[in-house]
Amino acid sequence: MLAQEADRLVGGAKAWLVIGDTALPRKGTMSVGVAPQYCGQLGKKANCQSLVSLTLAQGEVPVPAGLRLFLPQELPNKTCNIRTEIG
């Protein structure tokens, strides 16, 4: 739905789909998707969350079309009991 609205607002032959990544440094163990990964904000490998974004742009009008949390390969197989971990 969001992608359709973005296309309606700024889509067309002259539109660009911009794919971006964002790394958010994190400390602690309570955030989903945190793992040692390269973090551009810090310029080194560190515990962070990685997000992938899609933005549709035409001229100077960017419209966000999607945002997803990237889960490192080792995390989807990890099981946990959130009630136990949160306390």
Protein backbone atom coordinates (compact mmCIF):
# COMPACT_ATOMS: atom_id res chain seq x y z
CA MET A 1 0.00 0.00 0.00
CA LEU A 2 2.79 2.43 0.92
CA ALA A 3 4.70 1.62 -2.29
CA GLN A 4 1.55 2.24 -4.38
CA GLU A 5 1.04 5.64 -2.73
CA ALA A 6 4.71 6.54 -3.28
CA ASP A 7 4.37 5.58 -6.95
CA ARG A 8 1.23 7.72 -7.25
CA LEU A 9 3.00 10.74 -5.70
CA VAL A 10 6.39 10.67 -7.42
CA GLY A 11 6.44 7.65 -9.74
CA GLY A 12 6.92 7.68 -13.46
CA ALA A 13 9.66 7.34 -16.04
CA LYS A 14 11.94 9.87 -14.32
CA ALA A 15 11.61 8.40 -10.81
CA TRP A 16 14.49 6.66 -9.05
CA LEU A 17 14.26 3.81 -6.57
CA VAL A 18 16.91 4.44 -3.91
CA ILE A 19 18.00 1.48 -1.79
CA GLY A 20 19.78 2.45 1.39
CA ASP A 21 21.15 0.83 4.50
CA THR A 22 21.33 2.25 7.99
CA ALA A 23 23.18 0.76 10.95
CA LEU A 24 22.07 1.70 14.45
CA PRO A 25 24.67 1.06 17.17
CA ARG A 26 23.17 -0.84 20.11
CA LYS A 27 24.32 -1.86 23.57
CA GLY A 28 22.66 -4.52 25.71
CA THR A 29 20.69 -7.58 24.69
CA MET A 30 17.07 -6.46 24.50
CA SER A 31 16.87 -5.20 20.88
CA VAL A 32 15.93 -7.61 18.07
CA GLY A 33 18.52 -8.19 15.33
CA VAL A 34 21.55 -6.93 17.23
CA ALA A 35 24.77 -8.66 16.18
CA PRO A 36 28.39 -7.77 15.46
CA GLN A 37 28.15 -6.18 11.99
CA TYR A 38 29.89 -3.40 10.11
CA CYS A 39 28.47 -0.08 11.30
CA GLY A 40 29.19 2.82 8.94
CA GLN A 41 28.25 5.36 11.60
CA LEU A 42 31.12 4.06 13.76
CA GLY A 43 33.40 3.05 10.88
CA LYS A 44 34.02 -0.42 12.32
CA LYS A 45 32.39 -3.73 13.23
CA ALA A 46 30.21 -3.34 16.34
CA ASN A 47 26.93 -4.51 17.86
CA CYS A 48 24.21 -2.86 15.80
CA GLN A 49 20.89 -3.27 14.06
CA SER A 50 20.85 -2.97 10.27
CA LEU A 51 17.90 -1.53 8.36
CA VAL A 52 17.28 -1.55 4.60
CA SER A 53 15.15 1.27 3.19
CA LEU A 54 13.46 1.88 -0.15
CA THR A 55 12.75 5.45 -1.22
CA LEU A 56 11.12 6.56 -4.46
CA ALA A 57 12.44 9.91 -5.62
CA GLN A 58 11.88 12.31 -8.49
CA GLY A 59 13.62 15.67 -8.54
CA GLU A 60 13.89 16.81 -4.95
CA VAL A 61 10.84 14.91 -3.67
CA PRO A 62 11.75 11.68 -1.85
CA VAL A 63 8.93 9.44 -0.61
CA PRO A 64 9.70 6.50 1.71
CA ALA A 65 8.33 3.26 0.23
CA GLY A 66 9.58 0.66 2.71
CA LEU A 67 11.81 -0.09 5.68
CA ARG A 68 12.87 -3.53 6.93
CA LEU A 69 15.03 -4.76 9.77
CA PHE A 70 17.81 -6.99 8.46
CA LEU A 71 18.30 -10.12 10.59
CA PRO A 72 21.79 -11.67 10.53
CA GLN A 73 21.87 -15.34 9.45
CA GLU A 74 22.49 -16.70 12.93
CA LEU A 75 19.47 -14.94 14.48
CA PRO A 76 16.44 -16.58 12.76
CA ASN A 77 17.47 -19.98 14.16
CA LYS A 78 17.95 -18.64 17.68
CA THR A 79 15.02 -19.34 19.95
CA CYS A 80 14.25 -17.48 23.13
CA ASN A 81 11.56 -17.08 25.70
CA ILE A 82 10.98 -13.34 25.73
CA ARG A 83 9.12 -13.42 29.05
CA THR A 84 12.06 -15.13 30.71
CA GLU A 85 14.64 -12.80 29.15
CA ILE A 86 12.74 -9.62 29.99
CA GLY A 87 11.93 -10.79 33.49
